[in-house]
Amino acid sequence: MAEAPGLWPRAKSFVRHSTGRQKLATPFLIAALGCARATVLTFPFKVYAPILGQLASDNGHAPVPTARNGRRAHRIGKLIEAVAQFTPWSSNCLAQAIVASVCLRALGIGYSVHFGVARKDSDAQAMEAHSWVMVGDFAVTGFEESVGMTCLRTFRLDPS
């Protein structure tokens, strides 16, 4: 079985295949992912939950964005997910959701951050948690892994 490529080969591949704008954003995203990860490990959820937006009473998506903003948010999310693959620490779904929400808030794009759980296949008692970000029907981060998850909480930021 082939082993996954190490950190530096993945980073070099990313740099080789990224655009100029992506290369410029990468150091900022690495720093943001590091700060988000440190925040998650250091503080309780209630301290950083306001960064994600307002707790929504339902688990629906944020208002439908313009097609341009939806595509823009999707590209931002893909870049965050790509950069998270070569950070030397674990940039998990929650760290990615925090960074995505900060980026989308700065751009004035409404979003929703969802938190869900699912049972692990191997153990009926074990639960798996996940967070993902959506802009309307546009996936930003973590959507592929959210399939089969039951959404428990949603935080939302509506553009003003």
Foldseek 3Di string as FASTA:
>chain_A
DDDDDAQVVLVVVCVVPDDPVLVVCLVVLLVLLVVLVCCPVPDDCVVCVVLLAAWDPDDAKAPADDPVLLVVLQVQLVSSVSSCVRRPDRSFQRSSSSVSSNVCVVVLQKKKKWKWKAADPVDRPDIDIHIFMHRHPRGRHDPVVCVRTDTDIMHIDHGD
